[in-house]
Every structure is written in structure tokens, then in C-alpha cells.
Amino acid sequence: MKILVYGINYSPELTGIGKYTGEMVEWMAQQGHEVRVITAPPYYPEWQVGEHYSAWRYRREEGAATVWRCPLYVPKQPSTLKRLIHLGSFALSSFFPLMAQRRWKPDRIIGVVPTLFCTPGMRLLAKLSGARTLLHIQDYEVDAMLGLGMAGKGKGGKVAKLASRFERSGLHNVDNVSTISRSMMNKAQEKGVAADKVIFFPNWSEVARFRDVNPTQVVVLREQLGLPADRKIILYSGNIGEKQGLENVIAAAEQLQDKPWLFVIVGQGGGKARLEKRVAECGLTNVRFFPLQSYEALPALLKMADCHLVIQKRGAADAVLPSKLTNILAVGGNAVITAEADTELGQLCQAQPGIAVCVEPESVPALVDGIEQALLMPHHNVIAGEYAERTLEKNSVLKQFIADISAQDFGVQS
């Protein structure tokens, strides 16, 4: 098939949506599909355009796929308005490279959300070229915005109503919608998408790579980071932004100063400077910050942790399913997940007892209790590892997705 992938995040971003979209494209190309990508220069999670890239110039790259990089505005400190301008700038700059694909006549157009601003252009290209469209929901942008109070007066406000109408228009006017969890599939149906148009397309893990970690690599990485061998490691690795609420991690570290434990925060994002300032003001010696580690070092980093933190604010857990969890499970890690009981993450912990410790979001006492519980568990979580092998293996997930979108009747899943 000729497959056009359209989304703001892509390789070489190391975390989140860009990582998964890049791996998907590489896998599709290896399977013999002709793939093109329209995306932006890498900027996430640092919120800074990567070295050797420009925020203001178009760029074409050749590799496993032909990639067009389109200009966009990248704010140093994202706010609600700045995020909207950021997303809108990409939708605008990418419109003309998108329309240029009419001559190529793709069979499938896969739009990766965020950003919903790109859906009108995607639908127009489909009409002009005869392509089938699929909107892949990695984040429910509108729900996340409302859940985190970023739309002013909440669901009843004018901004919220306008955003919700725009979202429904995007969801209702594509051939199929895919998303990464069962609860997010249910949410698509609640928003008016027919059940037979919704495809389950979870994020994945290279399970064997994370399962079979060389212990020597763990020791070497620990020494490189200067982490003492006699301290238990409580790890947060990923984006440091508004959705996570990592201030509670610092508060938990403050309460646990007398324990032989180290809180290790690995990542970048708009909230990192604020957290570093808080640690300095409190004089905490049990918190260490590090930049994102390379993908090659990631298995050793995750294996090194005695406890993993999967932290989100209340209201975000079903709108945004944290992609970091797949590899934590694959490595057999013990995770503390902050999520309400009725969310996808809460239900996962109930359905798979022992897979992780689920605690109330935005509660420092609950987080402290969860950390203490996780540190009493065996270092290798067999339940988590077996779950990853059954459900998250990369090749199986992508094969099923291609089977679903290759069906002659695109609305019927194989």
C-alpha cells in the first residue's frame, strides 16, 4: 500500500508519540509498503527544536520513508494559547506539502492526533485523491485540556464548546478512528463514532529487548550516572510537563528524606526548571535530575529502577495513556500508577492483580504509601513481564493494525 502518515511528532524524538510514529513508519517500510511522512522538526519533550533542524524552514529527508519537515512555532514555556498557536502553525505550514501528495495518490492517510487542526486538510486530500482516512488518537487533546482546567470555565465555556464541536467534526468525517486503549475506544463511541469504525491500536514494546537486559549494562549505566549502589532507585522517566503533576513527587521525596532511597527524574519539559528550583529551595539531597537518556540506554535505565513512577493529574488518565508504561511492564518493573479506579489504568490494575500499585492521583500520602508498597515487591515483576509478552509485542501489534486497515471494506476489522 501507499501510506501517508501525517502528524506533528516523529523520529528522532525519543519519547511519546514521535517515538511510536517513527517505529511504525520504519516497520511499515520494512514490510514493503511505500510510506511518506509529513511532520515537524523534532522538538519534544524539550520544547526546543533539535540541533541541525530549523523551526522556520521546510526540509525533505530520504530514508525508509520520504519525510517532509514543516515549519512551526515552538514556545519555550507552553501555555494554553501558545499551545494552540503551536498546533495551528503546523497545520498551516503543512497544508501545501500535504496537498502536493494528490499526485502520489496514497491508498491510506493516517493522521496522528495531536493535532486535530490537521484533520480538515487530511480530509480534503482524501477527497481529491480517493484515499481512505484513519485518525489515530494518541491523546484526546480536548478532554485533556478540559480535565486539566486549561479551557477557562470548563466544559460549559465557549472555548470548550467550540473545541468539542471541532473534535466531533474531525472524528465523524474520517473513515476510521483508532486509539491506544479500550477506554479510549469507548470514549470515541461516546463522541458519536460508530463502533465498527473504531480500531484498537495500542502502543507496543520491543519486549525481548527490554526483557533480556544485560546486568553489566545496568551496573555501567548506574556508575555513569553516579548513583550509589546501596540506594534504592525511585525513577520517573519521560516528559516533565503539566499533565504529570510531578510537584507531588518532590513533596513525597521531602517526606522520605530519612530513607536510603533516591528519586531519579530523567527527562525534559516545560516544568523541569520549576521542579529543580523547588528541590534547591527545600535542600533535598535525595532527588537527582538527568537529561533524557538514549534509546540504547533505556532498557538498562528501566531495569535499574526499584520503583517506577507513572504520574498523572486527576482527569488525565483516560484522555492520555502514558506510553512509558509499555516498556516498564516489559522490563518487569514495579510501577506506582496514579489513576482513578474507573480509568483504563485503574481497571488494568484491578484486572491484573500485582501488575502495579494504583493510587489516588494528586495525593502525596497515597503516593508515599504506593512507593513503600512497590519497594516491598520482588525486583522483577513476573506478572508485568508476562502481560507485556501477551499483549504488547511490537510485531504482533503492528501486524494486526496493518491487517485492519488493509481489509477490502475498511470499516470491518479482521
Protein backbone atom coordinates (compact mmCIF):
# COMPACT_ATOMS: atom_id res chain seq x y z
CA MET A 1 0.00 0.00 0.00
CA LYS A 2 0.88 3.64 -0.37
CA ILE A 3 0.58 5.06 3.15
CA LEU A 4 0.82 8.74 4.08
CA VAL A 5 1.47 9.41 7.77
CA TYR A 6 0.61 12.93 8.94
CA GLY A 7 1.39 14.19 12.42
CA ILE A 8 3.38 16.76 14.36
CA ASN A 9 5.62 14.32 16.30
CA TYR A 10 8.10 11.93 14.69
CA SER A 11 11.60 10.48 14.97
CA PRO A 12 14.19 11.27 16.22
CA GLU A 13 12.09 12.27 19.23
CA LEU A 14 12.93 9.76 21.96
CA THR A 15 9.69 9.71 23.94
CA GLY A 16 5.96 9.69 23.47
CA ILE A 17 4.11 9.92 20.18
CA GLY A 18 7.13 10.71 17.99
CA LYS A 19 8.86 7.51 19.07
CA TYR A 20 5.86 5.32 18.24
CA THR A 21 5.09 7.03 14.93
CA GLY A 22 8.71 6.68 13.84
CA GLU A 23 8.82 2.99 14.76
CA MET A 24 5.51 2.39 12.95
CA VAL A 25 6.77 4.01 9.76
CA GLU A 26 10.05 2.08 9.83
CA TRP A 27 8.19 -1.21 10.36
CA MET A 28 5.73 -0.50 7.53
CA ALA A 29 8.59 0.29 5.15
CA GLN A 30 10.34 -2.95 6.11
CA GLN A 31 7.13 -4.84 5.26
CA GLY A 32 7.27 -3.44 1.71
CA HIS A 33 4.77 -0.59 1.98
CA GLU A 34 5.57 2.72 0.30
CA VAL A 35 5.43 5.28 3.09
CA ARG A 36 5.61 9.07 3.14
CA VAL A 37 5.54 11.29 6.21
CA ILE A 38 4.54 14.92 6.73
CA THR A 39 5.71 16.13 10.11
CA ALA A 40 7.57 18.85 12.01
CA PRO A 41 11.20 19.13 13.13
CA PRO A 42 11.83 17.28 16.42
CA TYR A 43 11.15 19.46 19.45
CA TYR A 44 9.58 17.26 22.14
CA PRO A 45 9.85 16.92 25.14
CA GLU A 46 12.43 19.73 25.43
CA TRP A 47 10.13 22.22 23.65
CA GLN A 48 13.17 23.24 21.65
CA VAL A 49 13.87 22.39 18.02
CA GLY A 50 16.61 19.78 17.77
CA GLU A 51 20.15 20.50 16.72
CA HIS A 52 20.67 20.60 12.93
CA TYR A 53 16.95 21.36 12.41
CA SER A 54 15.19 24.65 11.79
CA ALA A 55 11.79 25.79 13.08
CA TRP A 56 11.32 28.08 10.07
CA ARG A 57 12.40 26.07 7.02
CA TYR A 58 10.96 23.21 5.03
CA ARG A 59 13.16 20.14 4.73
CA ARG A 60 12.93 16.86 2.83
CA GLU A 61 14.61 13.68 4.08
CA GLU A 62 15.07 10.32 2.36
CA GLY A 63 15.37 7.04 4.23
CA ALA A 64 13.00 4.19 4.99
CA ALA A 65 10.32 6.77 4.10
CA THR A 66 10.30 10.14 2.40
CA VAL A 67 9.81 12.73 5.13
CA TRP A 68 8.78 16.38 4.79
CA ARG A 69 9.58 18.57 7.81
CA CYS A 70 7.35 21.64 8.02
CA PRO A 71 7.94 24.88 9.98
CA LEU A 72 6.15 25.54 13.25
CA TYR A 73 6.17 27.81 16.27
CA VAL A 74 7.68 26.19 19.38
CA PRO A 75 7.08 28.10 22.63
CA LYS A 76 9.74 27.89 25.33
CA GLN A 77 7.10 27.87 28.07
CA PRO A 78 3.86 26.36 26.70
CA SER A 79 0.58 27.91 27.87
CA THR A 80 -2.91 27.16 26.55
CA LEU A 81 -2.80 30.00 23.99
CA LYS A 82 0.79 29.25 22.97
CA ARG A 83 -0.05 25.56 22.51
CA LEU A 84 -2.94 26.46 20.23
CA ILE A 85 -0.69 28.72 18.15
CA HIS A 86 1.95 25.97 18.11
CA LEU A 87 -0.50 23.35 16.82
CA GLY A 88 -2.13 25.75 14.40
CA SER A 89 1.20 26.83 12.92
CA PHE A 90 1.98 23.24 11.96
CA ALA A 91 -1.47 22.68 10.45
CA LEU A 92 -0.98 25.80 8.32
CA SER A 93 2.62 25.18 7.21
CA SER A 94 1.97 21.52 6.41
CA PHE A 95 -1.12 22.17 4.28
CA PHE A 96 0.73 22.74 0.99
CA PRO A 97 3.11 19.74 1.28
CA LEU A 98 0.00 17.74 2.18
CA MET A 99 -1.90 18.85 -0.92
CA ALA A 100 1.15 18.05 -3.06
CA GLN A 101 0.54 14.35 -2.28
CA ARG A 102 -2.53 14.39 -4.52
CA ARG A 103 -0.42 13.32 -7.47
CA TRP A 104 1.07 10.43 -5.50
CA LYS A 105 -2.45 9.14 -4.71
CA PRO A 106 -1.97 7.44 -1.33
CA ASP A 107 -4.18 4.46 -0.50
CA ARG A 108 -4.36 5.32 3.18
CA ILE A 109 -3.84 8.56 5.10
CA ILE A 110 -3.05 8.05 8.78
CA GLY A 111 -3.43 11.26 10.79
CA VAL A 112 -1.88 11.07 14.26
CA VAL A 113 -3.52 13.21 16.96
CA PRO A 114 -2.34 15.61 18.17
CA THR A 115 -3.13 17.76 16.28
CA LEU A 116 -6.83 17.87 15.40
CA PHE A 117 -6.16 21.08 13.47
CA CYS A 118 -4.73 18.86 10.72
CA THR A 119 -7.90 16.86 10.11
CA PRO A 120 -9.58 19.26 7.62
CA GLY A 121 -6.52 19.15 5.35
CA MET A 122 -6.33 15.38 5.64
CA ARG A 123 -9.99 15.02 4.68
CA LEU A 124 -9.58 17.37 1.71
CA LEU A 125 -6.63 15.37 0.38
CA ALA A 126 -8.66 12.17 0.74
CA LYS A 127 -11.46 13.66 -1.37
CA LEU A 128 -9.01 14.78 -4.04
CA SER A 129 -7.01 11.53 -4.17
CA GLY A 130 -9.57 8.85 -3.30
CA ALA A 131 -7.61 7.74 -0.22
CA ARG A 132 -9.15 6.20 2.88
CA THR A 133 -8.56 8.11 6.12
CA LEU A 134 -7.74 6.94 9.62
CA LEU A 135 -7.40 9.24 12.62
CA HIS A 136 -5.16 7.68 15.27
CA ILE A 137 -5.84 9.14 18.71
CA GLN A 138 -2.75 9.13 20.92
CA ASP A 139 -4.12 11.98 23.06
CA TYR A 140 -7.69 13.26 23.35
CA GLU A 141 -6.49 16.85 23.19
CA VAL A 142 -9.81 18.44 24.09
CA ASP A 143 -10.54 16.10 27.02
CA ALA A 144 -7.03 16.58 28.39
CA MET A 145 -7.41 20.35 28.10
CA LEU A 146 -10.78 20.31 29.90
CA GLY A 147 -9.68 17.78 32.52
CA LEU A 148 -6.65 19.88 33.43
CA GLY A 149 -8.63 23.14 33.54
CA MET A 150 -6.84 24.68 30.56
CA ALA A 151 -10.03 25.95 28.89
CA GLY A 152 -11.03 28.57 31.41
CA LYS A 153 -14.62 27.96 32.54
CA GLY A 154 -14.54 24.23 31.85
CA LYS A 155 -16.99 22.25 29.74
CA GLY A 156 -19.63 24.97 29.84
CA GLY A 157 -17.41 27.71 28.46
CA LYS A 158 -17.46 28.97 24.89
CA VAL A 159 -13.91 27.79 24.17
CA ALA A 160 -14.70 24.30 25.46
CA LYS A 161 -17.90 24.04 23.38
CA LEU A 162 -16.14 25.22 20.24
CA ALA A 163 -13.26 22.78 20.77
CA SER A 164 -15.67 19.89 21.36
CA ARG A 165 -17.62 20.65 18.17
CA PHE A 166 -14.41 20.81 16.16
CA GLU A 167 -13.26 17.49 17.65
CA ARG A 168 -16.54 15.76 16.79
CA SER A 169 -16.35 17.05 13.24
CA GLY A 170 -12.90 15.53 12.87
CA LEU A 171 -13.89 12.19 14.37
CA HIS A 172 -17.12 11.85 12.38
CA ASN A 173 -15.70 12.68 8.96
CA VAL A 174 -12.90 10.12 8.64
CA ASP A 175 -13.28 6.50 7.56
CA ASN A 176 -11.88 5.03 10.76
CA VAL A 177 -10.66 6.06 14.19
CA SER A 178 -8.01 4.09 16.06
CA THR A 179 -6.75 4.58 19.57
CA ILE A 180 -4.48 3.03 22.16
CA SER A 181 -6.74 1.69 24.91
CA ARG A 182 -10.15 0.11 25.38
CA SER A 183 -11.44 3.03 27.44
CA MET A 184 -10.28 5.46 24.74
CA MET A 185 -12.18 3.33 22.19
CA ASN A 186 -15.28 3.65 24.36
CA LYS A 187 -14.71 7.39 24.54
CA ALA A 188 -14.66 7.58 20.72
CA GLN A 189 -18.06 5.86 20.65
CA GLU A 190 -19.36 8.28 23.32
CA LYS A 191 -18.34 11.08 20.95
CA GLY A 192 -20.52 9.58 18.22
CA VAL A 193 -18.11 7.33 16.30
CA ALA A 194 -19.77 4.09 15.18
CA ALA A 195 -18.37 1.01 16.94
CA ASP A 196 -17.47 -0.70 13.65
CA LYS A 197 -15.31 2.29 12.67
CA VAL A 198 -13.11 2.09 15.79
CA ILE A 199 -9.85 0.13 15.69
CA PHE A 200 -7.78 -0.93 18.71
CA PHE A 201 -4.15 0.05 18.05
CA PRO A 202 -2.20 0.02 21.35
CA ASN A 203 1.29 1.30 21.87
CA TRP A 204 3.81 -1.51 21.98
CA SER A 205 7.17 -2.60 23.30
CA GLU A 206 10.13 -4.43 21.81
CA VAL A 207 9.53 -6.97 24.55
CA ALA A 208 12.62 -9.14 24.08
CA ARG A 209 14.89 -6.08 24.13
CA PHE A 210 13.55 -4.96 27.50
CA ARG A 211 13.11 -8.44 28.93
CA ASP A 212 16.68 -9.60 28.30
CA VAL A 213 18.74 -6.78 29.78
CA ASN A 214 22.44 -7.49 30.40
CA PRO A 215 23.12 -6.88 34.15
CA THR A 216 26.53 -5.45 33.28
CA GLN A 217 24.87 -2.68 31.28
CA VAL A 218 22.81 -1.75 34.33
CA VAL A 219 25.91 -1.53 36.53
CA VAL A 220 27.78 0.54 33.95
CA LEU A 221 24.90 3.00 33.50
CA ARG A 222 24.48 3.35 37.24
CA GLU A 223 28.16 4.22 37.58
CA GLN A 224 27.98 6.67 34.67
CA LEU A 225 25.10 8.49 36.36
CA GLY A 226 26.92 8.50 39.70
CA LEU A 227 24.15 6.65 41.55
CA PRO A 228 25.37 4.79 44.65
CA ALA A 229 24.92 1.03 44.63
CA ASP A 230 23.44 0.97 48.16
CA ARG A 231 20.44 3.23 47.43
CA LYS A 232 17.10 2.08 46.07
CA ILE A 233 16.11 3.98 42.91
CA ILE A 234 12.65 5.53 42.50
CA LEU A 235 12.54 6.51 38.83
CA TYR A 236 10.46 8.91 36.79
CA SER A 237 11.48 8.96 33.13
CA GLY A 238 9.71 10.97 30.45
CA ASN A 239 8.12 14.33 29.79
CA ILE A 240 8.12 16.87 32.61
CA GLY A 241 5.03 18.92 31.82
CA GLU A 242 1.62 19.98 33.09
CA LYS A 243 -0.21 16.66 32.76
CA GLN A 244 2.03 14.83 35.22
CA GLY A 245 1.81 16.84 38.43
CA LEU A 246 5.39 16.00 39.42
CA GLU A 247 5.35 18.53 42.24
CA ASN A 248 3.87 15.70 44.31
CA VAL A 249 6.95 13.59 43.65
CA ILE A 250 9.12 16.31 45.17
CA ALA A 251 6.73 16.53 48.12
CA ALA A 252 6.98 12.74 48.59
CA ALA A 253 10.78 12.94 48.43
CA GLU A 254 10.66 15.59 51.15
CA GLN A 255 8.70 13.21 53.40
CA LEU A 256 11.05 10.30 52.70
CA GLN A 257 14.40 12.01 53.28
CA ASP A 258 15.30 9.60 56.08
CA LYS A 259 15.03 6.55 53.79
CA PRO A 260 18.01 5.12 51.83
CA TRP A 261 16.20 5.90 48.58
CA LEU A 262 16.97 8.19 45.64
CA PHE A 263 14.34 9.88 43.49
CA VAL A 264 15.78 9.97 39.97
CA ILE A 265 13.97 12.22 37.46
CA VAL A 266 15.08 11.67 33.87
CA GLY A 267 13.61 13.84 31.14
CA GLN A 268 12.89 17.29 29.79
CA GLY A 269 9.89 19.55 29.57
CA GLY A 270 8.39 22.89 30.45
CA GLY A 271 8.10 22.07 34.16
CA LYS A 272 11.66 20.90 34.81
CA ALA A 273 13.13 24.25 35.88
CA ARG A 274 10.30 24.74 38.37
CA LEU A 275 10.95 21.32 39.93
CA GLU A 276 14.69 21.92 40.13
CA LYS A 277 14.04 25.23 41.88
CA ARG A 278 11.74 23.54 44.40
CA VAL A 279 14.35 20.86 45.18
CA ALA A 280 17.00 23.53 45.72
CA GLU A 281 14.72 25.60 47.96
CA CYS A 282 13.92 22.54 50.09
CA GLY A 283 17.57 21.49 50.25
CA LEU A 284 16.73 17.93 49.18
CA THR A 285 19.68 15.60 48.69
CA ASN A 286 17.59 12.57 47.71
CA VAL A 287 16.46 13.92 44.31
CA ARG A 288 18.64 13.82 41.18
CA PHE A 289 17.83 15.21 37.72
CA PHE A 290 19.21 13.88 34.44
CA PRO A 291 18.51 14.61 30.77
CA LEU A 292 16.74 12.06 28.59
CA GLN A 293 18.90 9.00 28.01
CA SER A 294 19.45 7.45 24.57
CA TYR A 295 17.09 4.75 23.37
CA GLU A 296 20.02 2.32 23.50
CA ALA A 297 20.41 3.02 27.24
CA LEU A 298 16.68 2.85 28.02
CA PRO A 299 16.44 -0.89 28.87
CA ALA A 300 19.30 -0.58 31.38
CA LEU A 301 17.79 2.60 32.84
CA LEU A 302 14.40 0.97 33.39
CA LYS A 303 15.93 -2.24 34.76
CA MET A 304 17.96 -0.20 37.25
CA ALA A 305 14.86 1.18 38.99
CA ASP A 306 13.40 -0.46 42.08
CA CYS A 307 10.21 1.57 41.67
CA HIS A 308 8.80 3.37 38.62
CA LEU A 309 6.52 6.39 38.84
CA VAL A 310 3.71 6.74 36.29
CA ILE A 311 2.32 10.06 37.44
CA GLN A 312 -0.65 11.99 36.04
CA LYS A 313 -3.04 14.56 37.38
CA ARG A 314 -6.65 13.75 38.09
CA GLY A 315 -8.72 13.85 34.91
CA ALA A 316 -5.88 12.95 32.52
CA ALA A 317 -5.65 9.18 32.88
CA ASP A 318 -8.20 8.22 30.19
CA ALA A 319 -7.51 11.12 27.86
CA VAL A 320 -3.78 10.40 27.84
CA LEU A 321 -2.47 6.85 28.34
CA PRO A 322 1.22 7.14 29.30
CA SER A 323 3.36 5.48 26.65
CA LYS A 324 6.20 4.90 29.12
CA LEU A 325 4.20 2.14 30.82
CA THR A 326 4.65 -0.39 28.00
CA ASN A 327 8.42 -0.65 28.45
CA ILE A 328 8.16 -0.58 32.25
CA LEU A 329 5.94 -3.66 32.06
CA ALA A 330 8.23 -5.33 29.52
CA VAL A 331 11.26 -4.90 31.77
CA GLY A 332 9.32 -6.41 34.68
CA GLY A 333 9.34 -3.17 36.65
CA ASN A 334 7.27 -2.32 39.70
CA ALA A 335 5.22 0.79 38.92
CA VAL A 336 3.22 3.17 41.07
CA ILE A 337 0.40 4.48 38.88
CA THR A 338 -1.70 7.48 39.86
CA ALA A 339 -5.16 6.92 38.38
CA GLU A 340 -8.79 6.79 39.43
CA ALA A 341 -10.21 3.27 39.80
CA ASP A 342 -12.64 3.66 36.86
CA THR A 343 -9.97 4.66 34.31
CA GLU A 344 -8.14 2.34 31.91
CA LEU A 345 -5.08 2.27 34.19
CA GLY A 346 -7.17 1.67 37.29
CA GLN A 347 -9.04 -1.16 35.59
CA LEU A 348 -5.76 -2.69 34.39
CA CYS A 349 -4.52 -2.87 37.98
CA GLN A 350 -7.80 -4.42 39.14
CA ALA A 351 -7.91 -6.98 36.33
CA GLN A 352 -4.25 -7.95 36.71
CA PRO A 353 -3.57 -8.07 40.48
CA GLY A 354 0.10 -7.47 41.21
CA ILE A 355 0.90 -5.83 37.85
CA ALA A 356 1.37 -2.44 39.53
CA VAL A 357 0.33 -0.34 42.52
CA CYS A 358 -2.53 2.03 41.68
CA VAL A 359 -3.06 5.04 43.97
CA GLU A 360 -5.24 8.13 44.09
CA PRO A 361 -3.99 10.98 41.86
CA GLU A 362 -2.76 14.26 43.34
CA SER A 363 -2.39 12.82 46.85
CA VAL A 364 1.06 12.93 48.42
CA PRO A 365 0.17 10.48 51.25
CA ALA A 366 -1.22 8.00 48.69
CA LEU A 367 1.91 8.36 46.56
CA VAL A 368 4.20 7.79 49.56
CA ASP A 369 2.20 4.70 50.53
CA GLY A 370 2.33 3.40 46.96
CA ILE A 371 6.11 3.81 46.78
CA GLU A 372 6.52 1.91 50.03
CA GLN A 373 4.31 -0.90 48.70
CA ALA A 374 6.20 -1.11 45.39
CA LEU A 375 9.57 -1.33 47.14
CA LEU A 376 8.37 -4.39 49.08
CA MET A 377 7.65 -6.27 45.84
CA PRO A 378 10.24 -8.60 44.22
CA HIS A 379 12.61 -6.59 41.99
CA HIS A 380 11.40 -8.44 38.87
CA ASN A 381 7.64 -8.30 38.44
CA VAL A 382 6.70 -11.55 36.69
CA ILE A 383 3.05 -10.53 36.27
CA ALA A 384 4.04 -7.32 34.46
CA GLY A 385 6.53 -9.12 32.21
CA GLU A 386 4.09 -11.85 31.21
CA TYR A 387 1.37 -9.30 30.47
CA ALA A 388 3.76 -7.41 28.17
CA GLU A 389 4.65 -10.58 26.27
CA ARG A 390 0.99 -11.47 25.77
CA THR A 391 -0.34 -8.09 24.68
CA LEU A 392 2.36 -5.54 23.86
CA GLU A 393 4.82 -7.25 21.50
CA LYS A 394 5.64 -4.81 18.68
CA ASN A 395 5.48 -7.13 15.69
CA SER A 396 2.11 -8.60 16.70
CA VAL A 397 0.52 -5.21 17.34
CA LEU A 398 1.65 -3.74 14.02
CA LYS A 399 0.71 -6.83 12.02
CA GLN A 400 -2.83 -6.65 13.39
CA PHE A 401 -3.07 -2.93 12.61
CA ILE A 402 -1.99 -3.44 9.00
CA ALA A 403 -4.49 -6.29 8.68
CA ASP A 404 -7.24 -4.00 9.97
CA ILE A 405 -6.50 -1.13 7.58
CA SER A 406 -5.81 -3.44 4.63
CA ALA A 407 -9.25 -5.05 4.73
CA GLN A 408 -11.16 -4.53 1.50
CA ASP A 409 -14.01 -2.99 3.46
CA PHE A 410 -12.03 -0.53 5.56
CA GLY A 411 -14.77 -0.37 8.17
CA VAL A 412 -14.52 -4.09 9.01
CA GLN A 413 -11.70 -5.34 11.22
CA SER A 414 -10.02 -8.65 10.55
